[in-house]
Amino acid sequence: MKFWTRRGAIAWLLWPASLVFRVLVLGRRVLYGMRWLKSAHPGIPVIVVGNLTVGGSGKTPLVIWIAEFLKTRGVNNMPDMSIGGPGFCFLVVRWNGKAYVKNRFEYEGKRCSLPR
């Protein structure tokens, strides 16, 4: 996974795009802060485990630990876990009582399929 942390030619070529992305994210945060963009609560408890690190930071083991912990507290219905994010057709895995297993692919809440 060192590919993501190296500062090679590709990183330097993408650096200007990262500045544009940073400005867009800041603008979005400002719009939410001013309440021009509205957020909505899904109506159920939500646990978000994630960060900007791709692989190797322990997100999946943490989710499995949370599932096992909640099971000891009497919560048997584990939620689906999305692997990916908005704007992509991403994998959704489902807890089968022992582990998370591949269930489906979704894009913006609707089923999708990856190109073959």
Protein backbone atom coordinates (compact mmCIF):
# COMPACT_ATOMS: atom_id res chain seq x y z
CA MET A 1 0.00 0.00 0.00
CA LYS A 2 2.99 2.32 -0.14
CA PHE A 3 1.79 3.39 -3.59
CA TRP A 4 -0.70 5.73 -1.92
CA THR A 5 1.88 7.40 0.30
CA ARG A 6 4.77 7.86 -2.16
CA ARG A 7 5.43 11.28 -3.65
CA GLY A 8 6.17 10.22 -7.22
CA ALA A 9 5.51 11.89 -10.55
CA ILE A 10 1.81 10.99 -10.51
CA ALA A 11 1.37 12.61 -7.09
CA TRP A 12 2.97 15.83 -8.32
CA LEU A 13 0.85 15.82 -11.47
CA LEU A 14 -2.33 15.39 -9.41
CA TRP A 15 -1.36 18.03 -6.84
CA PRO A 16 -3.19 20.91 -8.65
CA ALA A 17 -6.36 18.80 -8.77
CA SER A 18 -6.04 18.21 -5.02
CA LEU A 19 -6.07 21.97 -4.47
CA VAL A 20 -9.27 22.31 -6.50
CA PHE A 21 -10.81 19.45 -4.52
CA ARG A 22 -9.78 21.10 -1.24
CA VAL A 23 -11.50 24.36 -2.25
CA LEU A 24 -14.67 22.47 -3.26
CA VAL A 25 -14.77 20.59 0.06
CA LEU A 26 -14.25 23.82 1.99
CA GLY A 27 -17.07 25.48 0.02
CA ARG A 28 -19.38 22.56 0.74
CA ARG A 29 -18.59 22.72 4.47
CA VAL A 30 -19.30 26.46 4.48
CA LEU A 31 -22.65 25.91 2.75
CA TYR A 32 -23.63 23.28 5.34
CA GLY A 33 -22.44 25.59 8.13
CA MET A 34 -24.61 28.42 6.78
CA ARG A 35 -27.46 25.91 6.44
CA TRP A 36 -27.83 26.59 2.71
CA LEU A 37 -27.36 22.87 2.21
CA LYS A 38 -29.53 20.68 4.41
CA SER A 39 -28.49 17.46 6.08
CA ALA A 40 -30.92 14.76 7.12
CA HIS A 41 -30.75 12.09 9.79
CA PRO A 42 -31.62 8.61 8.47
CA GLY A 43 -33.82 7.87 11.48
CA ILE A 44 -31.74 4.91 12.68
CA PRO A 45 -28.46 4.69 14.60
CA VAL A 46 -25.47 4.97 12.29
CA ILE A 47 -21.85 4.07 12.92
CA VAL A 48 -19.39 5.37 10.36
CA VAL A 49 -15.94 3.82 10.23
CA GLY A 50 -13.69 5.37 7.65
CA ASN A 51 -10.89 7.70 6.81
CA LEU A 52 -8.84 8.79 3.83
CA THR A 53 -6.40 5.89 4.07
CA VAL A 54 -6.83 3.19 1.45
CA GLY A 55 -6.23 -0.26 2.91
CA GLY A 56 -4.20 -1.37 5.85
CA SER A 57 -5.50 0.98 8.51
CA GLY A 58 -7.79 -1.56 10.17
CA LYS A 59 -11.27 -0.36 9.20
CA THR A 60 -12.71 -3.81 8.40
CA PRO A 61 -11.37 -5.47 11.58
CA LEU A 62 -12.85 -2.56 13.56
CA VAL A 63 -16.27 -3.06 11.93
CA ILE A 64 -16.11 -6.78 12.72
CA TRP A 65 -15.17 -5.96 16.33
CA ILE A 66 -18.10 -3.52 16.59
CA ALA A 67 -20.44 -6.21 15.22
CA GLU A 68 -19.18 -8.75 17.76
CA PHE A 69 -19.43 -6.20 20.58
CA LEU A 70 -23.01 -5.28 19.67
CA LYS A 71 -23.87 -8.98 19.48
CA THR A 72 -22.76 -9.38 23.12
CA ARG A 73 -25.14 -6.54 23.98
CA GLY A 74 -28.10 -8.34 22.37
CA VAL A 75 -28.06 -6.62 18.98
CA ASN A 76 -28.31 -9.48 16.50
CA ASN A 77 -29.31 -7.67 13.31
CA MET A 78 -26.10 -6.33 11.88
CA PRO A 79 -26.41 -3.68 9.19
CA ASP A 80 -24.96 -3.87 5.73
CA MET A 81 -21.52 -2.38 5.26
CA SER A 82 -20.75 -0.28 2.20
CA ILE A 83 -17.24 -0.42 0.80
CA GLY A 84 -16.78 2.66 -1.32
CA GLY A 85 -18.57 5.95 -1.43
CA PRO A 86 -20.87 8.29 -3.26
CA GLY A 87 -20.39 8.58 -6.99
CA PHE A 88 -19.35 4.99 -7.54
CA CYS A 89 -20.96 1.59 -7.99
CA PHE A 90 -19.61 0.07 -4.80
CA LEU A 91 -19.70 -3.23 -2.95
CA VAL A 92 -22.19 -3.75 -0.11
CA VAL A 93 -21.46 -6.64 2.23
CA ARG A 94 -23.89 -8.27 4.65
CA TRP A 95 -23.26 -9.88 8.05
CA ASN A 96 -24.11 -13.59 7.91
CA GLY A 97 -23.68 -14.21 11.64
CA LYS A 98 -19.99 -15.01 11.39
CA ALA A 99 -18.48 -12.60 8.88
CA TYR A 100 -19.29 -9.94 6.32
CA VAL A 101 -19.84 -11.47 2.87
CA LYS A 102 -20.41 -9.95 -0.57
CA ASN A 103 -24.09 -9.11 -1.08
CA ARG A 104 -24.62 -6.63 -3.91
CA PHE A 105 -23.38 -3.50 -5.65
CA GLU A 106 -25.12 -0.11 -5.20
CA TYR A 107 -24.96 3.38 -6.63
CA GLU A 108 -26.86 6.10 -4.76
CA GLY A 109 -29.03 3.52 -3.00
CA LYS A 110 -29.94 1.61 -6.17
CA ARG A 111 -28.56 -1.71 -7.32
CA CYS A 112 -25.95 -1.54 -10.07
CA SER A 113 -23.43 -3.82 -11.69
CA LEU A 114 -19.79 -3.35 -12.46
CA PRO A 115 -18.72 -3.48 -16.11
CA ARG A 116 -17.19 -6.82 -17.02
